[in-house]
Amino acid sequence: MLPYVIFVLGLLATLTIFLPALTLEGETYRGIDLVFGRELIEFDFLGEEVASAAVAMNVYAVVAYFAPIFAGVFTLILKRGNTFALAMFVLSGVMFFILNDYIEIEYEVLGSTNTVVPEWNNAFGVLVGAFAAIVAAIGEMLHISMTDKH
């Protein structure tokens, strides 16, 4: 029963990708925007791109959102407590909390590209994902202790 609860928590953490994750100056960005990127603005002049800005695809967001589902699947497949799954849950929980420090906005003006890391605020989706990953990690620790044979 416990492996199924752990899997559901991992699935819940991954599904928070569709919830608001970060906010910036009143604008809300979902987890899917952080994982795959999102174009914010583009200015064209006579068919030529003059300036643009986008939230870039982020590897930290990929890890935060997809590690829990893989850890949950490992828990179901292996039937025993797994330290690798535990590490993935812990990593995901930590990544959710530090995500706002690593999401960059790339902007290009007249062919010159730069990046900036703005002061993001966490939205409830990141907090729900982190909480689900941490509770799954605690469940995985319990699962390891119950299935560990001395």
N, C-alpha and C. Protein backbone atom coordinates (compact mmCIF):
# COMPACT_ATOMS: atom_id res chain seq x y z
N MET A 1 0.82 -1.20 0.00
CA MET A 1 0.00 0.00 0.00
C MET A 1 0.87 1.26 0.00
N LEU A 2 1.92 1.27 0.81
CA LEU A 2 2.78 2.44 0.91
C LEU A 2 3.43 2.82 -0.42
N PRO A 3 3.91 1.87 -1.23
CA PRO A 3 4.47 2.26 -2.53
C PRO A 3 3.47 3.01 -3.42
N TYR A 4 2.19 2.65 -3.33
CA TYR A 4 1.17 3.33 -4.14
C TYR A 4 0.94 4.75 -3.65
N VAL A 5 0.98 4.96 -2.34
CA VAL A 5 0.84 6.30 -1.78
C VAL A 5 2.03 7.16 -2.21
N ILE A 6 3.22 6.58 -2.16
CA ILE A 6 4.43 7.29 -2.59
C ILE A 6 4.33 7.66 -4.06
N PHE A 7 3.87 6.73 -4.88
CA PHE A 7 3.70 7.01 -6.31
C PHE A 7 2.71 8.14 -6.54
N VAL A 8 1.59 8.12 -5.84
CA VAL A 8 0.57 9.17 -6.01
C VAL A 8 1.14 10.53 -5.60
N LEU A 9 1.93 10.57 -4.53
CA LEU A 9 2.56 11.83 -4.13
C LEU A 9 3.54 12.32 -5.19
N GLY A 10 4.30 11.40 -5.79
CA GLY A 10 5.20 11.77 -6.88
C GLY A 10 4.44 12.27 -8.09
N LEU A 11 3.33 11.63 -8.39
CA LEU A 11 2.49 12.06 -9.50
C LEU A 11 1.91 13.45 -9.22
N LEU A 12 1.46 13.67 -8.00
CA LEU A 12 0.93 14.98 -7.62
C LEU A 12 2.00 16.07 -7.77
N ALA A 13 3.22 15.78 -7.31
CA ALA A 13 4.30 16.75 -7.44
C ALA A 13 4.57 17.08 -8.91
N THR A 14 4.52 16.08 -9.77
CA THR A 14 4.74 16.32 -11.20
C THR A 14 3.57 17.08 -11.83
N LEU A 15 2.36 16.78 -11.43
CA LEU A 15 1.19 17.44 -12.01
C LEU A 15 1.09 18.92 -11.61
N THR A 16 1.84 19.33 -10.62
CA THR A 16 1.84 20.76 -10.28
C THR A 16 2.48 21.59 -11.38
N ILE A 17 2.99 20.95 -12.40
CA ILE A 17 3.54 21.66 -13.56
C ILE A 17 2.47 22.53 -14.22
N PHE A 18 1.20 22.18 -14.02
CA PHE A 18 0.10 22.94 -14.63
C PHE A 18 -0.43 24.06 -13.72
N LEU A 19 0.12 24.16 -12.53
CA LEU A 19 -0.31 25.19 -11.58
C LEU A 19 0.61 26.40 -11.64
N PRO A 20 0.17 27.55 -11.14
CA PRO A 20 1.05 28.73 -11.08
C PRO A 20 2.28 28.42 -10.23
N ALA A 21 3.45 28.70 -10.78
CA ALA A 21 4.70 28.38 -10.09
C ALA A 21 5.39 29.62 -9.55
N LEU A 22 5.57 30.60 -10.39
CA LEU A 22 6.26 31.83 -10.00
C LEU A 22 5.48 33.04 -10.48
N THR A 23 5.65 34.15 -9.77
CA THR A 23 5.05 35.40 -10.20
C THR A 23 6.13 36.46 -10.30
N LEU A 24 5.90 37.39 -11.20
CA LEU A 24 6.82 38.51 -11.41
C LEU A 24 5.99 39.72 -11.81
N GLU A 25 6.00 40.71 -10.97
CA GLU A 25 5.30 41.97 -11.23
C GLU A 25 3.85 41.74 -11.66
N GLY A 26 3.15 40.90 -10.92
CA GLY A 26 1.75 40.64 -11.20
C GLY A 26 1.47 39.61 -12.26
N GLU A 27 2.45 39.19 -13.00
CA GLU A 27 2.30 38.16 -14.04
C GLU A 27 2.62 36.79 -13.45
N THR A 28 1.77 35.81 -13.72
CA THR A 28 1.94 34.47 -13.18
C THR A 28 2.48 33.54 -14.27
N TYR A 29 3.43 32.70 -13.89
CA TYR A 29 4.03 31.73 -14.81
C TYR A 29 3.80 30.34 -14.24
N ARG A 30 3.25 29.46 -15.07
CA ARG A 30 3.02 28.08 -14.65
C ARG A 30 4.31 27.28 -14.75
N GLY A 31 4.31 26.13 -14.13
CA GLY A 31 5.48 25.27 -14.17
C GLY A 31 5.85 24.87 -15.58
N ILE A 32 4.86 24.66 -16.43
CA ILE A 32 5.12 24.27 -17.81
C ILE A 32 5.86 25.37 -18.56
N ASP A 33 5.61 26.64 -18.19
CA ASP A 33 6.34 27.76 -18.80
C ASP A 33 7.81 27.73 -18.40
N LEU A 34 8.08 27.31 -17.18
CA LEU A 34 9.46 27.27 -16.69
C LEU A 34 10.23 26.08 -17.27
N VAL A 35 9.54 24.98 -17.45
CA VAL A 35 10.19 23.77 -17.96
C VAL A 35 10.50 23.90 -19.44
N PHE A 36 9.54 24.34 -20.24
CA PHE A 36 9.71 24.37 -21.68
C PHE A 36 9.98 25.75 -22.26
N GLY A 37 9.90 26.78 -21.43
CA GLY A 37 10.14 28.15 -21.89
C GLY A 37 8.86 28.79 -22.38
N ARG A 38 8.89 30.11 -22.43
CA ARG A 38 7.71 30.87 -22.87
C ARG A 38 8.17 32.21 -23.43
N GLU A 39 7.68 32.53 -24.62
CA GLU A 39 8.00 33.82 -25.21
C GLU A 39 7.17 34.89 -24.52
N LEU A 40 7.83 35.95 -24.10
CA LEU A 40 7.13 37.02 -23.40
C LEU A 40 6.72 38.14 -24.33
N ILE A 41 7.64 38.55 -25.18
CA ILE A 41 7.36 39.68 -26.06
C ILE A 41 8.27 39.61 -27.28
N GLU A 42 7.78 40.13 -28.40
CA GLU A 42 8.59 40.19 -29.61
C GLU A 42 8.18 41.45 -30.39
N PHE A 43 9.17 42.25 -30.75
CA PHE A 43 8.93 43.44 -31.55
C PHE A 43 9.52 43.26 -32.93
N ASP A 44 8.71 43.46 -33.94
CA ASP A 44 9.16 43.39 -35.33
C ASP A 44 9.03 44.78 -35.96
N PHE A 45 9.99 45.08 -36.81
CA PHE A 45 9.92 46.33 -37.56
C PHE A 45 10.21 46.01 -39.02
N LEU A 46 9.23 46.19 -39.85
CA LEU A 46 9.33 45.90 -41.29
C LEU A 46 9.77 44.46 -41.54
N GLY A 47 9.20 43.54 -40.77
CA GLY A 47 9.48 42.12 -40.97
C GLY A 47 10.76 41.63 -40.32
N GLU A 48 11.51 42.49 -39.67
CA GLU A 48 12.75 42.10 -38.99
C GLU A 48 12.54 42.16 -37.48
N GLU A 49 13.04 41.15 -36.79
CA GLU A 49 12.93 41.14 -35.34
C GLU A 49 13.89 42.16 -34.74
N VAL A 50 13.35 43.07 -33.96
CA VAL A 50 14.16 44.12 -33.35
C VAL A 50 14.49 43.77 -31.90
N ALA A 51 13.50 43.25 -31.17
CA ALA A 51 13.71 42.91 -29.77
C ALA A 51 12.76 41.79 -29.38
N SER A 52 13.20 40.98 -28.42
CA SER A 52 12.35 39.90 -27.91
C SER A 52 12.79 39.55 -26.50
N ALA A 53 11.90 38.93 -25.77
CA ALA A 53 12.21 38.44 -24.42
C ALA A 53 11.46 37.14 -24.21
N ALA A 54 12.09 36.22 -23.48
CA ALA A 54 11.48 34.92 -23.23
C ALA A 54 12.02 34.32 -21.94
N VAL A 55 11.18 33.53 -21.29
CA VAL A 55 11.64 32.70 -20.19
C VAL A 55 12.26 31.48 -20.84
N ALA A 56 13.53 31.26 -20.58
CA ALA A 56 14.25 30.17 -21.23
C ALA A 56 13.90 28.82 -20.59
N MET A 57 14.00 27.75 -21.39
CA MET A 57 13.85 26.40 -20.85
C MET A 57 14.88 26.23 -19.75
N ASN A 58 14.50 25.57 -18.64
CA ASN A 58 15.38 25.48 -17.50
C ASN A 58 15.54 24.05 -17.02
N VAL A 59 16.78 23.60 -16.92
CA VAL A 59 17.08 22.22 -16.51
C VAL A 59 16.67 21.99 -15.05
N TYR A 60 16.85 23.00 -14.20
CA TYR A 60 16.44 22.87 -12.80
C TYR A 60 14.94 22.62 -12.69
N ALA A 61 14.17 23.30 -13.51
CA ALA A 61 12.72 23.09 -13.50
C ALA A 61 12.36 21.69 -14.00
N VAL A 62 13.08 21.21 -15.00
CA VAL A 62 12.85 19.85 -15.50
C VAL A 62 13.07 18.84 -14.39
N VAL A 63 14.16 19.00 -13.65
CA VAL A 63 14.46 18.08 -12.54
C VAL A 63 13.40 18.19 -11.46
N ALA A 64 13.05 19.42 -11.08
CA ALA A 64 12.07 19.61 -10.01
C ALA A 64 10.73 18.96 -10.34
N TYR A 65 10.29 19.10 -11.57
CA TYR A 65 8.96 18.61 -11.93
C TYR A 65 8.91 17.14 -12.36
N PHE A 66 9.99 16.61 -12.92
CA PHE A 66 9.92 15.25 -13.44
C PHE A 66 10.61 14.19 -12.59
N ALA A 67 11.48 14.58 -11.67
CA ALA A 67 12.12 13.60 -10.79
C ALA A 67 11.11 12.86 -9.91
N PRO A 68 10.07 13.53 -9.38
CA PRO A 68 9.15 12.79 -8.51
C PRO A 68 8.40 11.67 -9.19
N ILE A 69 8.00 11.84 -10.43
CA ILE A 69 7.26 10.77 -11.10
C ILE A 69 8.17 9.59 -11.39
N PHE A 70 9.43 9.86 -11.76
CA PHE A 70 10.37 8.76 -11.98
C PHE A 70 10.67 8.04 -10.68
N ALA A 71 10.82 8.78 -9.60
CA ALA A 71 11.06 8.16 -8.30
C ALA A 71 9.87 7.30 -7.88
N GLY A 72 8.66 7.79 -8.12
CA GLY A 72 7.47 7.02 -7.80
C GLY A 72 7.37 5.74 -8.61
N VAL A 73 7.74 5.81 -9.88
CA VAL A 73 7.73 4.62 -10.74
C VAL A 73 8.77 3.61 -10.25
N PHE A 74 9.97 4.09 -9.87
CA PHE A 74 10.99 3.18 -9.33
C PHE A 74 10.48 2.49 -8.08
N THR A 75 9.79 3.21 -7.24
CA THR A 75 9.26 2.63 -6.01
C THR A 75 8.25 1.53 -6.33
N LEU A 76 7.39 1.77 -7.31
CA LEU A 76 6.40 0.74 -7.68
C LEU A 76 7.05 -0.47 -8.32
N ILE A 77 8.02 -0.24 -9.19
CA ILE A 77 8.63 -1.35 -9.93
C ILE A 77 9.48 -2.23 -9.02
N LEU A 78 10.27 -1.61 -8.15
CA LEU A 78 11.23 -2.38 -7.36
C LEU A 78 10.62 -3.04 -6.13
N LYS A 79 9.45 -2.60 -5.70
CA LYS A 79 8.72 -3.20 -4.58
C LYS A 79 9.42 -3.07 -3.22
N ARG A 80 10.66 -2.65 -3.20
CA ARG A 80 11.39 -2.46 -1.96
C ARG A 80 11.77 -0.99 -1.87
N GLY A 81 12.08 -0.57 -0.67
CA GLY A 81 12.55 0.80 -0.49
C GLY A 81 13.80 1.02 -1.32
N ASN A 82 13.92 2.20 -1.86
CA ASN A 82 15.01 2.47 -2.80
C ASN A 82 15.66 3.80 -2.45
N THR A 83 16.96 3.78 -2.17
CA THR A 83 17.64 5.02 -1.81
C THR A 83 17.76 5.96 -3.01
N PHE A 84 17.79 5.43 -4.22
CA PHE A 84 17.84 6.29 -5.41
C PHE A 84 16.53 7.08 -5.53
N ALA A 85 15.40 6.42 -5.31
CA ALA A 85 14.11 7.11 -5.35
C ALA A 85 14.05 8.15 -4.23
N LEU A 86 14.55 7.81 -3.07
CA LEU A 86 14.59 8.76 -1.96
C LEU A 86 15.40 10.00 -2.35
N ALA A 87 16.56 9.78 -2.94
CA ALA A 87 17.41 10.90 -3.37
C ALA A 87 16.70 11.77 -4.41
N MET A 88 15.96 11.15 -5.31
CA MET A 88 15.24 11.92 -6.33
C MET A 88 14.13 12.76 -5.70
N PHE A 89 13.42 12.20 -4.74
CA PHE A 89 12.38 12.98 -4.05
C PHE A 89 12.98 14.16 -3.29
N VAL A 90 14.08 13.92 -2.59
CA VAL A 90 14.73 15.00 -1.84
C VAL A 90 15.25 16.07 -2.80
N LEU A 91 15.91 15.64 -3.88
CA LEU A 91 16.42 16.59 -4.87
C LEU A 91 15.29 17.44 -5.44
N SER A 92 14.19 16.81 -5.76
CA SER A 92 13.05 17.53 -6.31
C SER A 92 12.50 18.55 -5.31
N GLY A 93 12.36 18.15 -4.06
CA GLY A 93 11.86 19.07 -3.04
C GLY A 93 12.75 20.28 -2.89
N VAL A 94 14.06 20.06 -2.88
CA VAL A 94 15.00 21.18 -2.78
C VAL A 94 14.93 22.05 -4.02
N MET A 95 14.86 21.44 -5.19
CA MET A 95 14.81 22.20 -6.44
C MET A 95 13.57 23.09 -6.52
N PHE A 96 12.45 22.60 -6.02
CA PHE A 96 11.25 23.42 -6.00
C PHE A 96 11.48 24.70 -5.19
N PHE A 97 12.16 24.56 -4.05
CA PHE A 97 12.36 25.72 -3.19
C PHE A 97 13.36 26.72 -3.74
N ILE A 98 14.36 26.28 -4.51
CA ILE A 98 15.37 27.21 -5.02
C ILE A 98 15.12 27.60 -6.47
N LEU A 99 14.04 27.15 -7.04
CA LEU A 99 13.75 27.40 -8.45
C LEU A 99 13.75 28.88 -8.80
N ASN A 100 13.21 29.71 -7.93
CA ASN A 100 13.10 31.13 -8.25
C ASN A 100 14.46 31.82 -8.37
N ASP A 101 15.52 31.20 -7.89
CA ASP A 101 16.86 31.78 -8.01
C ASP A 101 17.54 31.42 -9.33
N TYR A 102 16.96 30.52 -10.11
CA TYR A 102 17.63 30.02 -11.31
C TYR A 102 16.84 30.20 -12.61
N ILE A 103 15.66 30.76 -12.54
CA ILE A 103 14.87 30.98 -13.75
C ILE A 103 15.30 32.30 -14.38
N GLU A 104 15.77 32.23 -15.60
CA GLU A 104 16.30 33.39 -16.30
C GLU A 104 15.33 33.89 -17.37
N ILE A 105 15.41 35.16 -17.64
CA ILE A 105 14.73 35.74 -18.78
C ILE A 105 15.80 36.14 -19.78
N GLU A 106 15.70 35.59 -20.98
CA GLU A 106 16.62 35.95 -22.05
C GLU A 106 16.00 37.07 -22.87
N TYR A 107 16.77 38.10 -23.15
CA TYR A 107 16.26 39.16 -24.02
C TYR A 107 17.30 39.47 -25.08
N GLU A 108 16.76 39.81 -26.25
CA GLU A 108 17.61 40.11 -27.40
C GLU A 108 17.18 41.47 -27.96
N VAL A 109 18.16 42.34 -28.11
CA VAL A 109 17.91 43.66 -28.69
C VAL A 109 18.92 43.86 -29.81
N LEU A 110 18.41 44.00 -31.04
CA LEU A 110 19.24 44.21 -32.23
C LEU A 110 20.37 43.18 -32.35
N GLY A 111 20.03 41.93 -32.11
CA GLY A 111 20.99 40.84 -32.27
C GLY A 111 21.86 40.56 -31.07
N SER A 112 21.83 41.37 -30.05
CA SER A 112 22.63 41.17 -28.84
C SER A 112 21.77 40.47 -27.78
N THR A 113 22.20 39.29 -27.35
CA THR A 113 21.43 38.50 -26.40
C THR A 113 22.04 38.60 -25.00
N ASN A 114 21.18 38.79 -24.02
CA ASN A 114 21.58 38.86 -22.61
C ASN A 114 20.57 38.09 -21.77
N THR A 115 20.94 37.80 -20.53
CA THR A 115 20.02 37.14 -19.61
C THR A 115 19.98 37.92 -18.30
N VAL A 116 18.86 37.78 -17.62
CA VAL A 116 18.68 38.41 -16.32
C VAL A 116 17.87 37.45 -15.45
N VAL A 117 18.21 37.41 -14.15
CA VAL A 117 17.44 36.61 -13.20
C VAL A 117 16.67 37.60 -12.32
N PRO A 118 15.38 37.77 -12.60
CA PRO A 118 14.60 38.75 -11.83
C PRO A 118 14.26 38.23 -10.43
N GLU A 119 13.66 39.07 -9.62
CA GLU A 119 13.22 38.69 -8.28
C GLU A 119 11.85 38.02 -8.36
N TRP A 120 11.86 36.71 -8.55
CA TRP A 120 10.63 35.94 -8.66
C TRP A 120 10.01 35.75 -7.28
N ASN A 121 8.72 35.60 -7.23
CA ASN A 121 7.99 35.22 -6.01
C ASN A 121 7.37 33.85 -6.25
N ASN A 122 7.43 32.99 -5.22
CA ASN A 122 6.84 31.66 -5.35
C ASN A 122 5.32 31.74 -5.34
N ALA A 123 4.69 30.97 -6.20
CA ALA A 123 3.24 30.82 -6.20
C ALA A 123 2.90 29.48 -5.55
N PHE A 124 1.63 29.20 -5.37
CA PHE A 124 1.24 28.01 -4.62
C PHE A 124 1.61 26.71 -5.30
N GLY A 125 1.74 26.66 -6.62
CA GLY A 125 2.08 25.42 -7.31
C GLY A 125 3.44 24.88 -6.92
N VAL A 126 4.42 25.76 -6.77
CA VAL A 126 5.76 25.35 -6.36
C VAL A 126 5.73 24.81 -4.94
N LEU A 127 4.96 25.46 -4.08
CA LEU A 127 4.88 25.03 -2.69
C LEU A 127 4.17 23.69 -2.55
N VAL A 128 3.11 23.48 -3.32
CA VAL A 128 2.42 22.18 -3.31
C VAL A 128 3.34 21.09 -3.84
N GLY A 129 4.07 21.36 -4.92
CA GLY A 129 5.00 20.38 -5.47
C GLY A 129 6.10 20.03 -4.49
N ALA A 130 6.66 21.04 -3.83
CA ALA A 130 7.72 20.80 -2.85
C ALA A 130 7.19 19.97 -1.68
N PHE A 131 6.01 20.33 -1.19
CA PHE A 131 5.41 19.61 -0.07
C PHE A 131 5.16 18.15 -0.45
N ALA A 132 4.61 17.91 -1.64
CA ALA A 132 4.34 16.53 -2.07
C ALA A 132 5.63 15.74 -2.20
N ALA A 133 6.68 16.35 -2.74
CA ALA A 133 7.97 15.65 -2.89
C ALA A 133 8.58 15.34 -1.53
N ILE A 134 8.48 16.26 -0.59
CA ILE A 134 9.05 16.03 0.74
C ILE A 134 8.28 14.95 1.49
N VAL A 135 6.96 14.97 1.41
CA VAL A 135 6.16 13.93 2.05
C VAL A 135 6.45 12.57 1.40
N ALA A 136 6.63 12.56 0.08
CA ALA A 136 6.99 11.30 -0.60
C ALA A 136 8.36 10.82 -0.13
N ALA A 137 9.30 11.74 0.08
CA ALA A 137 10.63 11.36 0.58
C ALA A 137 10.52 10.74 1.98
N ILE A 138 9.68 11.32 2.82
CA ILE A 138 9.48 10.75 4.16
C ILE A 138 8.84 9.37 4.05
N GLY A 139 7.88 9.22 3.15
CA GLY A 139 7.27 7.91 2.91
C GLY A 139 8.28 6.91 2.38
N GLU A 140 9.18 7.38 1.52
CA GLU A 140 10.21 6.48 0.98
C GLU A 140 11.19 6.05 2.07
N MET A 141 11.51 6.95 2.99
CA MET A 141 12.36 6.57 4.13
C MET A 141 11.68 5.50 4.97
N LEU A 142 10.39 5.67 5.21
CA LEU A 142 9.63 4.67 5.96
C LEU A 142 9.59 3.36 5.20
N HIS A 143 9.41 3.43 3.89
CA HIS A 143 9.37 2.24 3.04
C HIS A 143 10.72 1.51 3.07
N ILE A 144 11.80 2.27 3.02
CA ILE A 144 13.13 1.66 3.10
C ILE A 144 13.31 0.96 4.43
N SER A 145 12.91 1.61 5.51
CA SER A 145 13.08 1.00 6.84
C SER A 145 12.22 -0.25 7.01
N MET A 146 11.06 -0.28 6.38
CA MET A 146 10.17 -1.44 6.48
C MET A 146 10.65 -2.61 5.63
N THR A 147 11.32 -2.34 4.52
CA THR A 147 11.72 -3.43 3.62
C THR A 147 13.20 -3.79 3.74
N ASP A 148 13.94 -3.03 4.54
CA ASP A 148 15.37 -3.31 4.70
C ASP A 148 15.55 -4.56 5.54
N LYS A 149 16.27 -5.52 4.99
CA LYS A 149 16.54 -6.77 5.70
C LYS A 149 17.98 -6.76 6.19
N HIS A 150 18.12 -6.97 7.47
CA HIS A 150 19.47 -6.97 8.08
C HIS A 150 20.10 -8.32 8.01
